[in-house]
Amino acid sequence: MPLAPPAGKPDVARAVDEVKRLLGEGRITQAVDILGAILPAAAEQHGEHSPVVRTLRKQYAATLMDDGQYRRALPELRRLADERAAEAGQADPQSLRFRYEAAQCLEQLGEPAAALAEFRALLPYYENQYVAGDPELAHDVRRRIGHLLLALGDRAAAHDTLARLVHDVERLHGPGHPLAVEVRRTLEWLGQVRG
């Protein structure tokens, strides 16, 4: 028979079960509140860098993003990325994923210059097949870079970035690939705007 937690101490396992139930019911904001409240207790009980706390922090960041709370998700993602990179190196796929999600937060928060800088820093890792080579993710990052350049008013750089991207996507997947079609539409629009 499992022992009940000492009086006054939150039951982390019960809170996690409650979060799963709430997420299953689509009640994301309530799940976020419980995760945020339970993190300090979990860190006290299990240690700040324990697997339990790291798992809770990942769930918290993901749930914040799902709830559109990008400003609150950003520091959590940066912390997760930094901790993972310190353990496994800058090219660790999990650390890179946290950085990618942090860049998405910046994009959603209307900070295109900061998002652009982060995506540009990530791109070499995703293009290097010996590190975290992921052509699909590299293409997505390049598309985001092109759109962010456009948002910053650099139409020429956006056009060049997207033209190279559509060429690479078509070479890999053919001209009918959804990303190629989308990027060609953007390039056509850019051509009309520039002309």
C-alpha atoms as a PDB file:
ATOM      1  CA  MET A   1       0.000   0.000   0.000  1.00  0.00           C
ATOM      2  CA  PRO A   2       1.586   3.339  -1.068  1.00  0.00           C
ATOM      3  CA  LEU A   3       2.266   5.813   1.669  1.00  0.00           C
ATOM      4  CA  ALA A   4       0.385   9.097   1.565  1.00  0.00           C
ATOM      5  CA  PRO A   5       2.552  12.193   1.309  1.00  0.00           C
ATOM      6  CA  PRO A   6       3.287  13.913   4.599  1.00  0.00           C
ATOM      7  CA  ALA A   7       0.677  16.465   5.653  1.00  0.00           C
ATOM      8  CA  GLY A   8       1.110  19.797   3.917  1.00  0.00           C
ATOM      9  CA  LYS A   9       3.240  18.356   1.072  1.00  0.00           C
ATOM     10  CA  PRO A  10       1.657  18.276  -2.383  1.00  0.00           C
ATOM     11  CA  ASP A  11       1.230  14.864  -3.998  1.00  0.00           C
ATOM     12  CA  VAL A  12       3.180  15.227  -7.250  1.00  0.00           C
ATOM     13  CA  ALA A  13       1.975  11.896  -8.679  1.00  0.00           C
ATOM     14  CA  ARG A  14      -1.664  12.786  -8.021  1.00  0.00           C
ATOM     15  CA  ALA A  15      -1.152  16.211  -9.611  1.00  0.00           C
ATOM     16  CA  VAL A  16       0.341  14.577 -12.714  1.00  0.00           C
ATOM     17  CA  ASP A  17      -2.659  12.256 -12.971  1.00  0.00           C
ATOM     18  CA  GLU A  18      -4.962  15.267 -12.663  1.00  0.00           C
ATOM     19  CA  VAL A  19      -3.026  17.067 -15.428  1.00  0.00           C
ATOM     20  CA  LYS A  20      -3.390  14.043 -17.726  1.00  0.00           C
ATOM     21  CA  ARG A  21      -7.125  13.943 -17.035  1.00  0.00           C
ATOM     22  CA  LEU A  22      -7.520  17.667 -17.719  1.00  0.00           C
ATOM     23  CA  LEU A  23      -5.527  17.467 -20.933  1.00  0.00           C
ATOM     24  CA  GLY A  24      -7.644  14.520 -22.031  1.00  0.00           C
ATOM     25  CA  GLU A  25     -10.715  16.703 -21.502  1.00  0.00           C
ATOM     26  CA  GLY A  26      -9.149  19.602 -23.406  1.00  0.00           C
ATOM     27  CA  ARG A  27      -8.885  21.780 -20.302  1.00  0.00           C
ATOM     28  CA  ILE A  28      -5.407  23.061 -21.113  1.00  0.00           C
ATOM     29  CA  THR A  29      -5.416  26.251 -19.031  1.00  0.00           C
ATOM     30  CA  GLN A  30      -6.299  24.346 -15.859  1.00  0.00           C
ATOM     31  CA  ALA A  31      -3.566  21.795 -16.617  1.00  0.00           C
ATOM     32  CA  VAL A  32      -1.079  24.665 -17.012  1.00  0.00           C
ATOM     33  CA  ASP A  33      -2.066  26.068 -13.623  1.00  0.00           C
ATOM     34  CA  ILE A  34      -1.579  22.725 -11.880  1.00  0.00           C
ATOM     35  CA  LEU A  35       1.780  22.081 -13.569  1.00  0.00           C
ATOM     36  CA  GLY A  36       3.022  25.556 -12.657  1.00  0.00           C
ATOM     37  CA  ALA A  37       1.923  25.088  -9.057  1.00  0.00           C
ATOM     38  CA  ILE A  38       3.411  21.608  -8.656  1.00  0.00           C
ATOM     39  CA  LEU A  39       6.869  22.350 -10.125  1.00  0.00           C
ATOM     40  CA  PRO A  40       8.329  23.973  -6.987  1.00  0.00           C
ATOM     41  CA  ALA A  41       7.070  21.095  -4.808  1.00  0.00           C
ATOM     42  CA  ALA A  42       8.456  18.516  -7.234  1.00  0.00           C
ATOM     43  CA  ALA A  43      11.834  20.281  -7.264  1.00  0.00           C
ATOM     44  CA  GLU A  44      11.874  20.286  -3.458  1.00  0.00           C
ATOM     45  CA  GLN A  45      10.926  16.609  -3.219  1.00  0.00           C
ATOM     46  CA  HIS A  46      12.991  15.200  -6.099  1.00  0.00           C
ATOM     47  CA  GLY A  47      15.731  17.760  -6.748  1.00  0.00           C
ATOM     48  CA  GLU A  48      15.831  20.620  -9.233  1.00  0.00           C
ATOM     49  CA  HIS A  49      17.603  18.564 -11.931  1.00  0.00           C
ATOM     50  CA  SER A  50      15.845  15.243 -11.371  1.00  0.00           C
ATOM     51  CA  PRO A  51      14.227  13.381 -14.271  1.00  0.00           C
ATOM     52  CA  VAL A  52      10.832  13.903 -12.596  1.00  0.00           C
ATOM     53  CA  VAL A  53      11.233  17.687 -12.548  1.00  0.00           C
ATOM     54  CA  ARG A  54      12.632  17.788 -16.074  1.00  0.00           C
ATOM     55  CA  THR A  55       9.683  15.762 -17.349  1.00  0.00           C
ATOM     56  CA  LEU A  56       7.260  18.082 -15.556  1.00  0.00           C
ATOM     57  CA  ARG A  57       9.040  21.118 -17.000  1.00  0.00           C
ATOM     58  CA  LYS A  58       8.806  19.684 -20.529  1.00  0.00           C
ATOM     59  CA  GLN A  59       5.096  19.020 -20.054  1.00  0.00           C
ATOM     60  CA  TYR A  60       4.631  22.497 -18.600  1.00  0.00           C
ATOM     61  CA  ALA A  61       6.364  24.177 -21.560  1.00  0.00           C
ATOM     62  CA  ALA A  62       4.445  22.097 -24.107  1.00  0.00           C
ATOM     63  CA  THR A  63       1.146  22.789 -22.372  1.00  0.00           C
ATOM     64  CA  LEU A  64       1.898  26.515 -22.202  1.00  0.00           C
ATOM     65  CA  MET A  65       2.523  26.505 -25.954  1.00  0.00           C
ATOM     66  CA  ASP A  66      -0.670  24.535 -26.580  1.00  0.00           C
ATOM     67  CA  ASP A  67      -2.515  27.167 -24.550  1.00  0.00           C
ATOM     68  CA  GLY A  68      -0.932  30.017 -26.531  1.00  0.00           C
ATOM     69  CA  GLN A  69       0.982  31.302 -23.482  1.00  0.00           C
ATOM     70  CA  TYR A  70       4.199  31.895 -25.419  1.00  0.00           C
ATOM     71  CA  ARG A  71       5.614  34.517 -23.062  1.00  0.00           C
ATOM     72  CA  ARG A  72       5.495  32.027 -20.169  1.00  0.00           C
ATOM     73  CA  ALA A  73       6.697  29.092 -22.313  1.00  0.00           C
ATOM     74  CA  LEU A  74       9.784  30.931 -23.619  1.00  0.00           C
ATOM     75  CA  PRO A  75      11.891  30.955 -20.410  1.00  0.00           C
ATOM     76  CA  GLU A  76      10.964  27.330 -19.692  1.00  0.00           C
ATOM     77  CA  LEU A  77      12.081  26.256 -23.157  1.00  0.00           C
ATOM     78  CA  ARG A  78      15.303  28.244 -22.930  1.00  0.00           C
ATOM     79  CA  ARG A  79      16.079  26.694 -19.569  1.00  0.00           C
ATOM     80  CA  LEU A  80      15.383  23.178 -20.877  1.00  0.00           C
ATOM     81  CA  ALA A  81      17.552  23.847 -23.955  1.00  0.00           C
ATOM     82  CA  ASP A  82      20.440  25.193 -21.865  1.00  0.00           C
ATOM     83  CA  GLU A  83      20.310  22.331 -19.357  1.00  0.00           C
ATOM     84  CA  ARG A  84      20.175  19.689 -22.076  1.00  0.00           C
ATOM     85  CA  ALA A  85      22.991  21.355 -24.060  1.00  0.00           C
ATOM     86  CA  ALA A  86      25.150  21.479 -20.910  1.00  0.00           C
ATOM     87  CA  GLU A  87      24.675  17.720 -20.505  1.00  0.00           C
ATOM     88  CA  ALA A  88      24.730  16.490 -24.087  1.00  0.00           C
ATOM     89  CA  GLY A  89      26.276  19.287 -26.170  1.00  0.00           C
ATOM     90  CA  GLN A  90      24.953  22.100 -28.362  1.00  0.00           C
ATOM     91  CA  ALA A  91      24.075  19.704 -31.190  1.00  0.00           C
ATOM     92  CA  ASP A  92      21.881  17.455 -29.045  1.00  0.00           C
ATOM     93  CA  PRO A  93      18.579  16.914 -30.923  1.00  0.00           C
ATOM     94  CA  GLN A  94      16.462  17.458 -27.811  1.00  0.00           C
ATOM     95  CA  SER A  95      18.242  20.720 -26.969  1.00  0.00           C
ATOM     96  CA  LEU A  96      17.815  21.839 -30.582  1.00  0.00           C
ATOM     97  CA  ARG A  97      14.107  21.017 -30.415  1.00  0.00           C
ATOM     98  CA  PHE A  98      13.678  23.190 -27.311  1.00  0.00           C
ATOM     99  CA  ARG A  99      15.513  26.032 -29.087  1.00  0.00           C
ATOM    100  CA  TYR A 100      13.283  25.566 -32.143  1.00  0.00           C
ATOM    101  CA  GLU A 101      10.181  25.822 -29.958  1.00  0.00           C
ATOM    102  CA  ALA A 102      11.638  28.897 -28.223  1.00  0.00           C
ATOM    103  CA  ALA A 103      12.124  30.495 -31.647  1.00  0.00           C
ATOM    104  CA  GLN A 104       8.488  29.695 -32.440  1.00  0.00           C
ATOM    105  CA  CYS A 105       7.509  31.491 -29.235  1.00  0.00           C
ATOM    106  CA  LEU A 106       9.491  34.559 -30.293  1.00  0.00           C
ATOM    107  CA  GLU A 107       7.758  34.438 -33.662  1.00  0.00           C
ATOM    108  CA  GLN A 108       4.335  34.232 -32.008  1.00  0.00           C
ATOM    109  CA  LEU A 109       5.225  37.064 -29.629  1.00  0.00           C
ATOM    110  CA  GLY A 110       5.860  39.391 -32.564  1.00  0.00           C
ATOM    111  CA  GLU A 111       9.626  39.497 -32.119  1.00  0.00           C
ATOM    112  CA  PRO A 112      10.728  38.722 -35.698  1.00  0.00           C
ATOM    113  CA  ALA A 113      14.355  39.873 -35.329  1.00  0.00           C
ATOM    114  CA  ALA A 114      14.950  37.657 -32.281  1.00  0.00           C
ATOM    115  CA  ALA A 115      13.130  34.714 -33.910  1.00  0.00           C
ATOM    116  CA  LEU A 116      15.149  35.186 -37.103  1.00  0.00           C
ATOM    117  CA  ALA A 117      18.430  35.148 -35.164  1.00  0.00           C
ATOM    118  CA  GLU A 118      17.444  31.947 -33.364  1.00  0.00           C
ATOM    119  CA  PHE A 119      16.272  30.149 -36.507  1.00  0.00           C
ATOM    120  CA  ARG A 120      19.463  31.186 -38.324  1.00  0.00           C
ATOM    121  CA  ALA A 121      21.533  29.791 -35.436  1.00  0.00           C
ATOM    122  CA  LEU A 122      19.615  26.495 -35.599  1.00  0.00           C
ATOM    123  CA  LEU A 123      19.719  25.988 -39.357  1.00  0.00           C
ATOM    124  CA  PRO A 124      23.300  24.655 -39.654  1.00  0.00           C
ATOM    125  CA  TYR A 125      22.497  21.898 -37.157  1.00  0.00           C
ATOM    126  CA  TYR A 126      19.418  20.777 -39.082  1.00  0.00           C
ATOM    127  CA  GLU A 127      21.250  20.887 -42.409  1.00  0.00           C
ATOM    128  CA  ASN A 128      24.216  18.838 -41.123  1.00  0.00           C
ATOM    129  CA  GLN A 129      23.417  15.175 -41.682  1.00  0.00           C
ATOM    130  CA  TYR A 130      26.108  14.174 -39.177  1.00  0.00           C
ATOM    131  CA  VAL A 131      24.606  16.239 -36.355  1.00  0.00           C
ATOM    132  CA  ALA A 132      20.832  16.448 -36.350  1.00  0.00           C
ATOM    133  CA  GLY A 133      20.303  16.347 -40.100  1.00  0.00           C
ATOM    134  CA  ASP A 134      16.597  16.594 -40.709  1.00  0.00           C
ATOM    135  CA  PRO A 135      15.787  17.851 -44.221  1.00  0.00           C
ATOM    136  CA  GLU A 136      12.109  18.397 -43.429  1.00  0.00           C
ATOM    137  CA  LEU A 137      12.864  20.480 -40.347  1.00  0.00           C
ATOM    138  CA  ALA A 138      15.646  22.308 -42.200  1.00  0.00           C
ATOM    139  CA  HIS A 139      13.121  23.204 -44.908  1.00  0.00           C
ATOM    140  CA  ASP A 140      10.654  24.421 -42.284  1.00  0.00           C
ATOM    141  CA  VAL A 141      13.344  26.567 -40.633  1.00  0.00           C
ATOM    142  CA  ARG A 142      14.322  28.034 -44.004  1.00  0.00           C
ATOM    143  CA  ARG A 143      10.647  28.802 -44.773  1.00  0.00           C
ATOM    144  CA  ARG A 144      10.326  30.546 -41.412  1.00  0.00           C
ATOM    145  CA  ILE A 145      13.524  32.508 -42.066  1.00  0.00           C
ATOM    146  CA  GLY A 146      12.124  33.655 -45.411  1.00  0.00           C
ATOM    147  CA  HIS A 147       8.839  34.756 -43.853  1.00  0.00           C
ATOM    148  CA  LEU A 148      10.629  36.525 -40.997  1.00  0.00           C
ATOM    149  CA  LEU A 149      12.841  38.389 -43.485  1.00  0.00           C
ATOM    150  CA  LEU A 150       9.660  39.424 -45.240  1.00  0.00           C
ATOM    151  CA  ALA A 151       8.131  40.564 -41.938  1.00  0.00           C
ATOM    152  CA  LEU A 152      11.246  42.662 -41.326  1.00  0.00           C
ATOM    153  CA  GLY A 153      10.903  44.289 -44.750  1.00  0.00           C
ATOM    154  CA  ASP A 154      13.913  42.625 -46.412  1.00  0.00           C
ATOM    155  CA  ARG A 155      12.103  41.481 -49.553  1.00  0.00           C
ATOM    156  CA  ALA A 156      15.282  40.748 -51.541  1.00  0.00           C
ATOM    157  CA  ALA A 157      16.739  38.438 -48.862  1.00  0.00           C
ATOM    158  CA  ALA A 158      13.321  36.816 -48.375  1.00  0.00           C
ATOM    159  CA  HIS A 159      13.045  36.183 -52.124  1.00  0.00           C
ATOM    160  CA  ASP A 160      16.553  34.693 -52.323  1.00  0.00           C
ATOM    161  CA  THR A 161      15.960  32.477 -49.289  1.00  0.00           C
ATOM    162  CA  LEU A 162      12.612  31.206 -50.556  1.00  0.00           C
ATOM    163  CA  ALA A 163      13.825  30.735 -54.160  1.00  0.00           C
ATOM    164  CA  ARG A 164      16.675  28.511 -52.946  1.00  0.00           C
ATOM    165  CA  LEU A 165      14.239  26.665 -50.688  1.00  0.00           C
ATOM    166  CA  VAL A 166      11.704  25.920 -53.439  1.00  0.00           C
ATOM    167  CA  HIS A 167      14.525  24.624 -55.653  1.00  0.00           C
ATOM    168  CA  ASP A 168      15.727  22.244 -52.915  1.00  0.00           C
ATOM    169  CA  VAL A 169      12.222  21.044 -52.004  1.00  0.00           C
ATOM    170  CA  GLU A 170      11.378  20.373 -55.658  1.00  0.00           C
ATOM    171  CA  ARG A 171      14.657  18.516 -56.155  1.00  0.00           C
ATOM    172  CA  LEU A 172      13.944  16.317 -53.109  1.00  0.00           C
ATOM    173  CA  HIS A 173      10.151  15.864 -53.354  1.00  0.00           C
ATOM    174  CA  GLY A 174       9.027  17.109 -56.761  1.00  0.00           C
ATOM    175  CA  PRO A 175       7.123  20.257 -57.775  1.00  0.00           C
ATOM    176  CA  GLY A 176       3.790  19.053 -56.376  1.00  0.00           C
ATOM    177  CA  HIS A 177       5.002  18.873 -52.759  1.00  0.00           C
ATOM    178  CA  PRO A 178       2.800  21.081 -50.513  1.00  0.00           C
ATOM    179  CA  LEU A 179       5.784  23.099 -49.244  1.00  0.00           C
ATOM    180  CA  ALA A 180       6.984  23.755 -52.808  1.00  0.00           C
ATOM    181  CA  VAL A 181       3.485  24.903 -53.800  1.00  0.00           C
ATOM    182  CA  GLU A 182       3.219  27.188 -50.756  1.00  0.00           C
ATOM    183  CA  VAL A 183       6.657  28.733 -51.282  1.00  0.00           C
ATOM    184  CA  ARG A 184       6.007  29.263 -55.017  1.00  0.00           C
ATOM    185  CA  ARG A 185       2.808  31.165 -54.105  1.00  0.00           C
ATOM    186  CA  THR A 186       4.781  33.378 -51.739  1.00  0.00           C
ATOM    187  CA  LEU A 187       7.421  33.974 -54.428  1.00  0.00           C
ATOM    188  CA  GLU A 188       4.712  34.863 -56.978  1.00  0.00           C
ATOM    189  CA  TRP A 189       3.236  37.328 -54.493  1.00  0.00           C
ATOM    190  CA  LEU A 190       6.680  38.766 -53.857  1.00  0.00           C
ATOM    191  CA  GLY A 191       7.230  39.132 -57.604  1.00  0.00           C
ATOM    192  CA  GLN A 192       3.973  41.082 -57.898  1.00  0.00           C
ATOM    193  CA  VAL A 193       4.870  43.289 -54.951  1.00  0.00           C
ATOM    194  CA  ARG A 194       8.403  43.947 -56.231  1.00  0.00           C
ATOM    195  CA  GLY A 195       7.307  44.522 -59.838  1.00  0.00           C
END
